[in-house]
Amino acid sequence: MYQERINAYFDRPSVLRELEEAILRLASIDSVKGTPAPGKPFGPGPAAALEEALQLCREWGLQTTNYDGYVGLADLNGQKTALHILGHLDVVGPGTGWTVTEPFQPKLVDGMLYGRGVADDKGPIIAALFAMRAVREFQLPLSSNARVVLGTDEESGSADLAYYYAREPYAPFSFSPDASFPLINIEKGQYHPGFGASWAKEDRPVLTLSGGFRANVVPPEAEARLSCVTLEMLTPLCRQLEEATGTRFTLTPLSPDGVRVHCAGKNAHASTPEEGCNALTALLALLAELPLPNCPAVRAVQGLHALFPHGDTAGAALGIAQSDPQSGALTTNLALMELGDSGFQAKMDVRFPLCATEENCRRAAEASFAKYGITVTEDPDLIPAHYVPADSPLVQTLLRCYERYTGVQGAAPLAIGGCTYVHNIPGGVAFGPLMPGFDCNMHGADERIPLDDLRTACKIFTQAIVDLCT
């Protein structure tokens, strides 16, 4: 019902121009998190983006509320709310390497929108709001309200949603256009323990060892300073391990003796560690092969290599490998490490499937650590898995909307290792706007999204609002 009318509405050239202009308007604002101020809990940038988005909503005839600067609300009507659509206006930092345009000077080039936030998540928010506008202009006899929740802190922990939902109820249906089509109904759980060992200060062959820069990223670089070794001893082993690991070692002599070893790998998100090449585990593999004198630091290196052999992203050596048909396999990433005079500290990122338990994941990992004298040194960050049954009314309704406007038949929901904006929202799912197979360079240079894909998303979201609120 209404498909012909929805297609005709969004296929008008004037509507496509309005969609483009609204996205460029919002994406021109630098909304990186800043210093809090009264009424601006996440700084001036997110606050400015929120006010601009609410102004746009008012221009489109939607009812608006600024909820203490944490979120904005755009309501379709005064009925009881059945649907929350959750999007965020904050963005990650601009970064470097942009070639098509500057991060906050968004532009359309050959049908592709470029700029920080056009895909994550300002463009998708505009698509959802335009869908609300279309439903309003159709004057359909809806029995319930749809509300767009405009967040301002997704990139830094979602304190915005925590504030809002501590004071307001969840909706019967919720989705976030901050991911991919066709739909994500399973998000793996996350386990981020810090662990380490300590020793008395003493002479040791491994003077320092460090790697990684963020817990949720596969380390692209790692470095060690060694004594009791020579370039002649290291060079053939490095060449051998480069071929075996896909990394690159660089050796630099130290004065008066010793060698600095730098390892270059490839970064990737911790939810897909198999797509990267872990420089830290490759460096541990190199050190474990060396005939170094026995001492606590060397034993720690050897233990870590045994627990995190290069290429083992399933947690097999750690004793926690597992999978299930619904959510897939557990993944591990040795993300951070710092070794010095008195010990080492490290952190890993585990994404666990629905079948994981306290016993076969957390306790099993801690037991494996204990075999090598390694202990958990901080309370682990443990995030439960998020799951909405594939046969739920929300999932089935949204999949039908996706199929109707893309022509794809038999679309199935997806499981991912990452967290979306609805990870802590009961019954919430991630729904669009990226089309399957498209890489938007999220969080990278030249972030992009096809304008026509956002127009299709507008149609899908419009139908979803009608179907869920009638």
Protein backbone atom coordinates (compact mmCIF):
# COMPACT_ATOMS: atom_id res chain seq x y z
CA MET A 1 0.00 0.00 0.00
CA TYR A 2 1.17 3.54 -0.88
CA GLN A 3 4.25 2.31 -2.82
CA GLU A 4 3.29 4.10 -6.04
CA ARG A 5 2.66 7.32 -4.14
CA ILE A 6 5.93 7.09 -2.21
CA ASN A 7 7.94 6.41 -5.38
CA ALA A 8 6.34 9.35 -7.19
CA TYR A 9 7.04 11.70 -4.29
CA PHE A 10 10.75 10.94 -3.94
CA ASP A 11 11.42 10.56 -7.66
CA ARG A 12 10.71 14.24 -8.25
CA PRO A 13 13.94 16.14 -9.11
CA SER A 14 12.98 18.94 -6.72
CA VAL A 15 12.79 16.52 -3.78
CA LEU A 16 16.20 15.08 -4.60
CA ARG A 17 17.64 18.61 -4.63
CA GLU A 18 16.05 19.33 -1.25
CA LEU A 19 17.49 16.09 0.14
CA GLU A 20 20.96 17.08 -1.08
CA GLU A 21 20.71 20.63 0.26
CA ALA A 22 19.55 19.50 3.69
CA ILE A 23 22.44 17.05 4.03
CA LEU A 24 25.02 19.62 2.91
CA ARG A 25 23.57 22.10 5.36
CA LEU A 26 23.92 19.75 8.32
CA ALA A 27 27.24 18.18 7.28
CA SER A 28 28.86 21.64 7.05
CA ILE A 29 28.84 21.85 10.87
CA ASP A 30 31.89 20.56 12.73
CA SER A 31 30.13 18.51 15.41
CA VAL A 32 33.09 16.71 16.97
CA LYS A 33 32.66 16.35 20.74
CA GLY A 34 34.08 19.30 22.67
CA THR A 35 34.19 20.91 26.10
CA PRO A 36 30.84 20.80 27.95
CA ALA A 37 29.00 24.03 28.65
CA PRO A 38 25.56 24.88 30.08
CA GLY A 39 22.95 23.38 27.77
CA LYS A 40 25.73 21.88 25.65
CA PRO A 41 26.75 18.65 27.43
CA PHE A 42 28.98 17.52 24.56
CA GLY A 43 30.39 20.88 23.53
CA PRO A 44 29.46 23.60 21.03
CA GLY A 45 29.77 21.50 17.86
CA PRO A 46 27.15 18.85 18.65
CA ALA A 47 24.92 21.57 20.13
CA ALA A 48 25.11 23.60 16.92
CA ALA A 49 24.29 20.56 14.81
CA LEU A 50 21.35 19.74 17.07
CA GLU A 51 19.89 23.23 16.79
CA GLU A 52 20.31 23.21 13.00
CA ALA A 53 18.61 19.81 12.72
CA LEU A 54 15.71 20.97 14.91
CA GLN A 55 15.36 24.12 12.82
CA LEU A 56 15.15 21.97 9.69
CA CYS A 57 12.47 19.83 11.37
CA ARG A 58 10.45 22.95 12.18
CA GLU A 59 10.70 24.09 8.57
CA TRP A 60 9.30 20.71 7.53
CA GLY A 61 6.35 20.97 9.92
CA LEU A 62 7.54 18.44 12.49
CA GLN A 63 7.03 18.93 16.23
CA THR A 64 10.38 19.44 17.97
CA THR A 65 11.90 19.32 21.45
CA ASN A 66 15.43 20.03 22.62
CA TYR A 67 15.84 17.53 25.45
CA ASP A 68 18.33 19.33 27.72
CA GLY A 69 20.92 19.45 24.94
CA TYR A 70 21.41 15.67 25.06
CA VAL A 71 19.04 14.72 22.25
CA GLY A 72 16.53 16.40 20.02
CA LEU A 73 13.08 15.00 19.31
CA ALA A 74 11.10 15.27 16.09
CA ASP A 75 7.53 13.98 16.36
CA LEU A 76 5.13 13.23 13.56
CA ASN A 77 1.90 13.76 15.53
CA GLY A 78 0.45 13.88 19.03
CA GLN A 79 -0.54 10.20 19.22
CA LYS A 80 1.08 7.63 21.49
CA THR A 81 4.55 6.84 20.18
CA ALA A 82 5.02 3.43 18.52
CA LEU A 83 8.35 3.97 16.76
CA HIS A 84 11.70 5.51 17.66
CA ILE A 85 14.19 6.17 14.85
CA LEU A 86 17.59 6.78 16.42
CA GLY A 87 20.31 8.76 14.63
CA HIS A 88 23.26 10.84 15.78
CA LEU A 89 24.60 14.25 14.83
CA ASP A 90 28.08 14.03 16.39
CA VAL A 91 30.97 12.91 14.20
CA VAL A 92 34.50 11.62 14.58
CA GLY A 93 37.44 13.95 14.01
CA PRO A 94 38.23 15.11 10.48
CA GLY A 95 41.45 13.12 10.15
CA THR A 96 43.82 13.54 7.22
CA GLY A 97 44.13 12.39 3.62
CA TRP A 98 41.01 13.98 2.15
CA THR A 99 41.22 14.41 -1.63
CA VAL A 100 37.74 15.25 -2.96
CA THR A 101 36.87 18.01 -0.50
CA GLU A 102 37.59 19.22 3.01
CA PRO A 103 35.84 17.33 5.85
CA PHE A 104 33.33 20.08 6.68
CA GLN A 105 32.91 21.40 3.16
CA PRO A 106 30.57 18.66 1.89
CA LYS A 107 29.85 18.43 -1.80
CA LEU A 108 28.12 16.30 -4.41
CA VAL A 109 30.42 14.90 -7.11
CA ASP A 110 29.01 12.65 -9.86
CA GLY A 111 26.10 11.59 -7.69
CA MET A 112 28.26 10.88 -4.64
CA LEU A 113 28.08 12.96 -1.47
CA TYR A 114 31.43 13.56 0.26
CA GLY A 115 32.11 15.01 3.70
CA ARG A 116 32.43 14.07 7.35
CA GLY A 117 29.05 12.80 8.49
CA VAL A 118 27.32 12.37 5.13
CA ALA A 119 27.13 8.62 5.80
CA ASP A 120 27.71 8.56 9.58
CA ASP A 121 25.11 9.73 10.46
CA LYS A 122 23.83 13.07 9.20
CA GLY A 123 22.82 11.88 5.74
CA PRO A 124 20.81 8.96 7.17
CA ILE A 125 19.16 11.27 9.74
CA ILE A 126 18.03 13.58 6.96
CA ALA A 127 16.62 10.57 5.08
CA ALA A 128 14.59 9.57 8.15
CA LEU A 129 13.35 13.12 8.71
CA PHE A 130 12.42 13.47 5.04
CA ALA A 131 10.44 10.24 5.38
CA MET A 132 8.62 11.79 8.34
CA ARG A 133 7.93 14.89 6.25
CA ALA A 134 6.53 12.77 3.42
CA VAL A 135 4.18 10.88 5.72
CA ARG A 136 2.99 14.18 7.19
CA GLU A 137 2.35 15.65 3.73
CA PHE A 138 0.44 12.50 2.70
CA GLN A 139 -1.91 13.14 5.67
CA LEU A 140 -2.31 9.44 6.27
CA PRO A 141 -4.65 8.24 9.06
CA LEU A 142 -1.94 6.92 11.40
CA SER A 143 -2.95 5.52 14.78
CA SER A 144 0.47 6.09 16.41
CA ASN A 145 3.33 8.57 16.47
CA ALA A 146 6.82 8.12 15.02
CA ARG A 147 9.67 9.97 16.73
CA VAL A 148 13.16 10.64 15.44
CA VAL A 149 15.63 10.85 18.32
CA LEU A 150 18.53 13.09 17.30
CA GLY A 151 21.52 12.04 19.40
CA THR A 152 24.74 13.95 20.02
CA ASP A 153 27.19 11.48 21.62
CA GLU A 154 27.19 8.20 19.69
CA GLU A 155 30.87 8.38 18.80
CA SER A 156 31.96 8.78 22.43
CA GLY A 157 29.85 6.29 24.35
CA SER A 158 26.17 7.21 23.84
CA ALA A 159 25.73 9.13 27.09
CA ASP A 160 23.02 11.01 25.18
CA LEU A 161 20.75 7.99 24.91
CA ALA A 162 21.55 6.90 28.47
CA TYR A 163 20.36 10.31 29.69
CA TYR A 164 17.20 10.26 27.60
CA TYR A 165 16.10 6.69 28.32
CA ALA A 166 16.76 7.10 32.04
CA ARG A 167 13.86 9.56 31.96
CA GLU A 168 11.63 8.38 29.12
CA PRO A 169 10.22 4.97 28.10
CA TYR A 170 11.44 2.86 25.21
CA ALA A 171 9.15 2.62 22.21
CA PRO A 172 7.53 -0.68 21.14
CA PHE A 173 9.59 -0.48 17.93
CA SER A 174 13.05 1.05 17.42
CA PHE A 175 15.53 1.14 14.58
CA SER A 176 18.66 3.11 13.77
CA PRO A 177 19.70 4.15 10.26
CA ASP A 178 23.35 4.07 11.28
CA ALA A 179 24.46 0.83 9.63
CA SER A 180 23.64 -1.25 6.56
CA PHE A 181 20.73 -2.83 4.77
CA PRO A 182 19.08 -5.24 4.76
CA LEU A 183 18.97 -5.25 8.61
CA ILE A 184 21.18 -6.11 11.60
CA ASN A 185 19.42 -8.05 14.35
CA ILE A 186 22.44 -9.57 16.16
CA GLU A 187 25.39 -7.68 17.60
CA LYS A 188 28.00 -9.81 19.33
CA GLY A 189 28.95 -9.20 22.92
CA GLN A 190 32.27 -7.59 23.83
CA TYR A 191 34.89 -8.48 26.44
CA HIS A 192 37.84 -6.11 26.91
CA PRO A 193 40.07 -7.27 29.77
CA GLY A 194 43.27 -5.55 30.76
CA PHE A 195 45.95 -8.00 31.90
CA GLY A 196 49.62 -8.13 32.76
CA ALA A 197 52.43 -9.27 35.02
CA SER A 198 55.04 -7.52 37.16
CA TRP A 199 58.66 -8.18 38.03
CA ALA A 200 61.53 -6.60 39.91
CA LYS A 201 63.67 -4.22 37.92
CA GLU A 202 66.62 -6.14 36.48
CA ASP A 203 68.78 -6.52 33.42
CA ARG A 204 66.77 -8.10 30.64
CA PRO A 205 67.18 -8.61 26.89
CA VAL A 206 63.76 -7.12 26.06
CA LEU A 207 64.20 -3.53 27.21
CA THR A 208 60.84 -2.23 25.97
CA LEU A 209 57.99 -3.50 23.84
CA SER A 210 54.93 -1.53 22.78
CA GLY A 211 52.17 -1.81 20.22
CA GLY A 212 48.70 -0.63 19.37
CA PHE A 213 46.96 2.70 19.87
CA ARG A 214 43.29 1.85 20.50
CA ALA A 215 41.52 -1.15 22.00
CA ASN A 216 39.14 -1.64 19.08
CA VAL A 217 41.78 -1.51 16.33
CA VAL A 218 44.16 -4.23 15.09
CA PRO A 219 47.65 -2.82 15.85
CA PRO A 220 49.27 -1.61 12.63
CA GLU A 221 52.62 -0.99 14.34
CA ALA A 222 54.71 -2.44 17.19
CA GLU A 223 58.25 -1.85 18.36
CA ALA A 224 60.80 -3.44 20.70
CA ARG A 225 64.23 -2.42 21.97
CA LEU A 226 66.51 -5.41 22.52
CA SER A 227 69.92 -6.02 24.02
CA CYS A 228 72.02 -9.18 23.64
CA VAL A 229 71.18 -9.41 19.92
CA THR A 230 72.78 -8.26 16.69
CA LEU A 231 71.60 -7.26 13.25
CA GLU A 232 73.25 -10.38 11.87
CA MET A 233 71.22 -12.55 14.23
CA LEU A 234 67.90 -10.81 13.51
CA THR A 235 68.00 -10.14 9.77
CA PRO A 236 67.43 -13.68 8.40
CA LEU A 237 64.72 -14.40 10.97
CA CYS A 238 62.94 -11.15 10.11
CA ARG A 239 62.96 -11.97 6.40
CA GLN A 240 61.54 -15.41 7.18
CA LEU A 241 58.76 -14.05 9.39
CA GLU A 242 57.88 -11.30 6.92
CA GLU A 243 56.96 -13.97 4.41
CA ALA A 244 55.06 -15.99 7.01
CA THR A 245 53.14 -13.11 8.63
CA GLY A 246 52.71 -10.51 5.90
CA THR A 247 54.33 -7.83 8.06
CA ARG A 248 57.45 -5.73 7.51
CA PHE A 249 60.35 -5.49 9.98
CA THR A 250 62.79 -2.58 10.17
CA LEU A 251 66.00 -2.94 12.21
CA THR A 252 67.99 -0.04 13.67
CA PRO A 253 71.22 -0.43 15.69
CA LEU A 254 71.21 0.91 19.26
CA SER A 255 74.20 2.47 20.96
CA PRO A 256 76.31 1.05 22.56
CA ASP A 257 74.78 -2.31 21.63
CA GLY A 258 71.39 -3.75 20.83
CA VAL A 259 68.75 -3.33 18.14
CA ARG A 260 65.44 -1.51 17.76
CA VAL A 261 62.89 -3.66 15.91
CA HIS A 262 59.90 -2.01 14.27
CA CYS A 263 57.08 -4.09 12.83
CA ALA A 264 54.51 -2.71 10.38
CA GLY A 265 51.25 -4.55 9.81
CA LYS A 266 47.78 -3.46 8.72
CA ASN A 267 45.03 -2.03 10.87
CA ALA A 268 41.41 -3.16 10.84
CA HIS A 269 38.46 -2.83 13.17
CA ALA A 270 38.52 -5.27 16.06
CA SER A 271 35.12 -6.63 15.01
CA THR A 272 36.81 -8.00 11.86
CA PRO A 273 40.41 -8.70 12.94
CA GLU A 274 40.93 -11.18 10.12
CA GLU A 275 40.92 -8.21 7.72
CA GLY A 276 44.05 -6.76 9.36
CA CYS A 277 47.57 -7.93 10.03
CA ASN A 278 48.50 -7.65 13.70
CA ALA A 279 51.96 -6.10 14.07
CA LEU A 280 52.05 -6.85 17.79
CA THR A 281 51.50 -10.60 17.46
CA ALA A 282 54.03 -10.74 14.61
CA LEU A 283 56.63 -9.01 16.79
CA LEU A 284 55.94 -11.42 19.64
CA ALA A 285 56.46 -14.29 17.19
CA LEU A 286 59.86 -12.87 16.27
CA LEU A 287 60.96 -12.43 19.89
CA ALA A 288 59.77 -15.91 20.84
CA GLU A 289 62.09 -17.38 18.19
CA LEU A 290 65.20 -15.68 19.57
CA PRO A 291 67.61 -17.53 21.91
CA LEU A 292 67.15 -15.00 24.72
CA PRO A 293 68.27 -15.64 28.31
CA ASN A 294 65.57 -16.77 30.72
CA CYS A 295 64.00 -13.97 32.80
CA PRO A 296 60.47 -12.77 33.69
CA ALA A 297 60.24 -10.42 30.70
CA VAL A 298 61.23 -13.15 28.25
CA ARG A 299 58.81 -15.61 29.85
CA ALA A 300 56.03 -13.03 29.50
CA VAL A 301 56.83 -12.57 25.81
CA GLN A 302 56.84 -16.31 25.25
CA GLY A 303 53.58 -16.72 27.14
CA LEU A 304 51.87 -14.02 25.15
CA HIS A 305 53.07 -15.56 21.90
CA ALA A 306 51.65 -18.91 23.02
CA LEU A 307 48.28 -17.33 23.87
CA PHE A 308 48.13 -15.02 20.82
CA PRO A 309 49.95 -16.74 17.94
CA HIS A 310 49.97 -14.59 14.84
CA GLY A 311 46.89 -15.19 12.69
CA ASP A 312 44.78 -16.77 15.43
CA THR A 313 41.83 -14.36 15.50
CA ALA A 314 39.42 -17.03 16.77
CA GLY A 315 40.85 -17.36 20.27
CA ALA A 316 41.83 -21.02 19.77
CA ALA A 317 45.13 -20.81 21.66
CA LEU A 318 43.40 -18.84 24.41
CA GLY A 319 40.87 -21.64 24.80
CA ILE A 320 37.78 -19.58 23.99
CA ALA A 321 37.12 -20.34 20.29
CA GLN A 322 33.42 -20.98 19.63
CA SER A 323 30.64 -20.16 17.19
CA ASP A 324 26.96 -20.65 16.53
CA PRO A 325 24.87 -20.61 13.33
CA GLN A 326 23.03 -17.40 14.25
CA SER A 327 25.83 -15.04 15.24
CA GLY A 328 28.96 -16.65 13.83
CA ALA A 329 32.40 -17.08 15.39
CA LEU A 330 34.10 -15.43 18.34
CA THR A 331 36.97 -13.12 17.39
CA THR A 332 39.98 -11.90 19.36
CA ASN A 333 42.41 -9.04 18.91
CA LEU A 334 45.51 -8.42 21.02
CA ALA A 335 45.14 -4.66 20.80
CA LEU A 336 47.50 -2.88 23.19
CA MET A 337 50.73 -3.68 25.03
CA GLU A 338 53.38 -1.81 26.95
CA LEU A 339 56.40 -3.59 28.52
CA GLY A 340 59.00 -1.84 30.66
CA ASP A 341 61.17 -2.00 33.77
CA SER A 342 58.61 -3.40 36.20
CA GLY A 343 56.27 -5.50 34.07
CA PHE A 344 53.81 -5.31 31.23
CA GLN A 345 50.21 -4.28 30.66
CA ALA A 346 48.07 -5.35 27.72
CA LYS A 347 44.49 -5.28 26.52
CA MET A 348 42.55 -7.50 24.17
CA ASP A 349 39.23 -7.09 22.36
CA VAL A 350 36.94 -10.13 22.19
CA ARG A 351 33.66 -10.16 20.24
CA PHE A 352 31.65 -13.18 21.41
CA PRO A 353 28.64 -14.93 19.85
CA LEU A 354 25.30 -15.73 21.47
CA CYS A 355 26.52 -19.14 22.63
CA ALA A 356 29.27 -17.64 24.81
CA THR A 357 28.92 -17.84 28.59
CA GLU A 358 30.79 -16.59 31.63
CA GLU A 359 32.38 -20.02 31.93
CA ASN A 360 33.50 -20.64 28.34
CA CYS A 361 34.66 -17.09 27.61
CA ARG A 362 35.75 -14.93 30.52
CA ARG A 363 36.73 -17.65 32.99
CA ALA A 364 38.36 -19.77 30.28
CA ALA A 365 40.50 -16.80 29.18
CA GLU A 366 41.53 -16.02 32.75
CA ALA A 367 42.50 -19.67 33.30
CA SER A 368 44.70 -19.57 30.21
CA PHE A 369 46.36 -16.38 31.43
CA ALA A 370 47.06 -17.97 34.82
CA LYS A 371 49.07 -20.79 33.22
CA TYR A 372 51.67 -18.19 32.23
CA GLY A 373 51.57 -16.10 35.39
CA ILE A 374 49.41 -13.43 33.78
CA THR A 375 46.51 -11.88 35.68
CA VAL A 376 43.59 -9.62 34.85
CA THR A 377 44.57 -6.21 36.20
CA GLU A 378 41.37 -4.20 35.74
CA ASP A 379 37.67 -4.88 35.75
CA PRO A 380 36.92 -6.06 32.22
CA ASP A 381 34.59 -4.04 30.06
CA LEU A 382 31.86 -6.63 29.37
CA ILE A 383 29.05 -5.73 26.97
CA PRO A 384 26.32 -8.37 26.53
CA ALA A 385 25.31 -9.50 23.06
CA HIS A 386 22.26 -7.85 21.51
CA TYR A 387 19.69 -10.07 19.79
CA VAL A 388 16.27 -9.53 18.25
CA PRO A 389 14.63 -12.69 16.82
CA ALA A 390 14.51 -12.79 13.04
CA ASP A 391 10.81 -13.68 13.12
CA SER A 392 9.84 -10.68 15.24
CA PRO A 393 7.18 -8.34 13.77
CA LEU A 394 9.68 -5.46 13.60
CA VAL A 395 12.32 -7.43 11.70
CA GLN A 396 9.83 -8.95 9.28
CA THR A 397 8.13 -5.61 8.62
CA LEU A 398 11.39 -3.80 7.92
CA LEU A 399 12.70 -6.56 5.66
CA ARG A 400 9.50 -6.37 3.61
CA CYS A 401 9.97 -2.60 3.25
CA TYR A 402 13.56 -3.13 2.09
CA GLU A 403 12.54 -5.78 -0.44
CA ARG A 404 9.69 -3.65 -1.80
CA TYR A 405 11.91 -0.70 -2.81
CA THR A 406 15.09 -2.54 -3.82
CA GLY A 407 13.60 -5.50 -5.66
CA VAL A 408 15.74 -7.86 -3.56
CA GLN A 409 13.85 -10.98 -2.54
CA GLY A 410 14.55 -13.25 0.41
CA ALA A 411 16.57 -10.67 2.34
CA ALA A 412 17.88 -12.04 5.63
CA PRO A 413 19.01 -10.20 8.76
CA LEU A 414 22.70 -9.95 9.58
CA ALA A 415 24.92 -10.58 12.60
CA ILE A 416 27.92 -8.30 13.20
CA GLY A 417 30.78 -7.98 15.65
CA GLY A 418 30.38 -4.25 16.16
CA CYS A 419 27.97 -2.19 18.24
CA THR A 420 25.38 0.05 16.64
CA TYR A 421 23.36 2.86 18.19
CA VAL A 422 20.65 0.40 19.30
CA HIS A 423 22.91 -2.09 21.08
CA ASN A 424 21.38 -1.20 24.45
CA ILE A 425 17.86 -0.52 23.19
CA PRO A 426 15.46 -3.41 23.95
CA GLY A 427 14.13 -4.82 20.70
CA GLY A 428 16.04 -2.31 18.56
CA VAL A 429 17.64 -3.15 15.22
CA ALA A 430 20.01 -1.37 12.84
CA PHE A 431 18.38 -0.68 9.49
CA GLY A 432 20.24 0.99 6.60
CA PRO A 433 21.10 3.19 4.90
CA LEU A 434 24.23 1.65 3.30
CA MET A 435 23.48 -0.76 0.51
CA PRO A 436 25.13 -4.20 0.67
CA GLY A 437 28.73 -4.15 -0.56
CA PHE A 438 29.18 -0.37 -0.48
CA ASP A 439 32.18 1.00 1.43
CA CYS A 440 31.49 4.53 2.70
CA ASN A 441 35.01 5.06 4.15
CA MET A 442 33.41 5.46 7.56
CA HIS A 443 35.65 7.40 9.97
CA GLY A 444 38.22 7.76 7.18
CA ALA A 445 39.14 10.30 4.53
CA ASP A 446 36.61 11.08 1.79
CA GLU A 447 33.62 9.66 3.69
CA ARG A 448 30.95 9.21 1.03
CA ILE A 449 27.52 7.88 0.15
CA PRO A 450 25.53 7.85 -3.13
CA LEU A 451 22.73 10.40 -3.03
CA ASP A 452 20.46 7.99 -4.91
CA ASP A 453 20.96 5.35 -2.19
CA LEU A 454 19.75 7.87 0.38
CA ARG A 455 16.70 8.57 -1.79
CA THR A 456 15.95 4.84 -1.78
CA ALA A 457 16.41 4.85 1.99
CA CYS A 458 13.86 7.69 2.20
CA LYS A 459 11.32 5.50 0.44
CA ILE A 460 12.05 2.50 2.64
CA PHE A 461 11.83 4.56 5.85
CA THR A 462 8.57 6.17 4.71
CA GLN A 463 6.99 2.78 4.14
CA ALA A 464 8.33 1.55 7.49
CA ILE A 465 6.75 4.49 9.34
CA VAL A 466 3.42 3.83 7.64
CA ASP A 467 3.48 0.10 8.33
CA LEU A 468 4.57 0.38 11.96
CA CYS A 469 2.36 3.32 12.95
CA THR A 470 -0.91 2.48 11.18
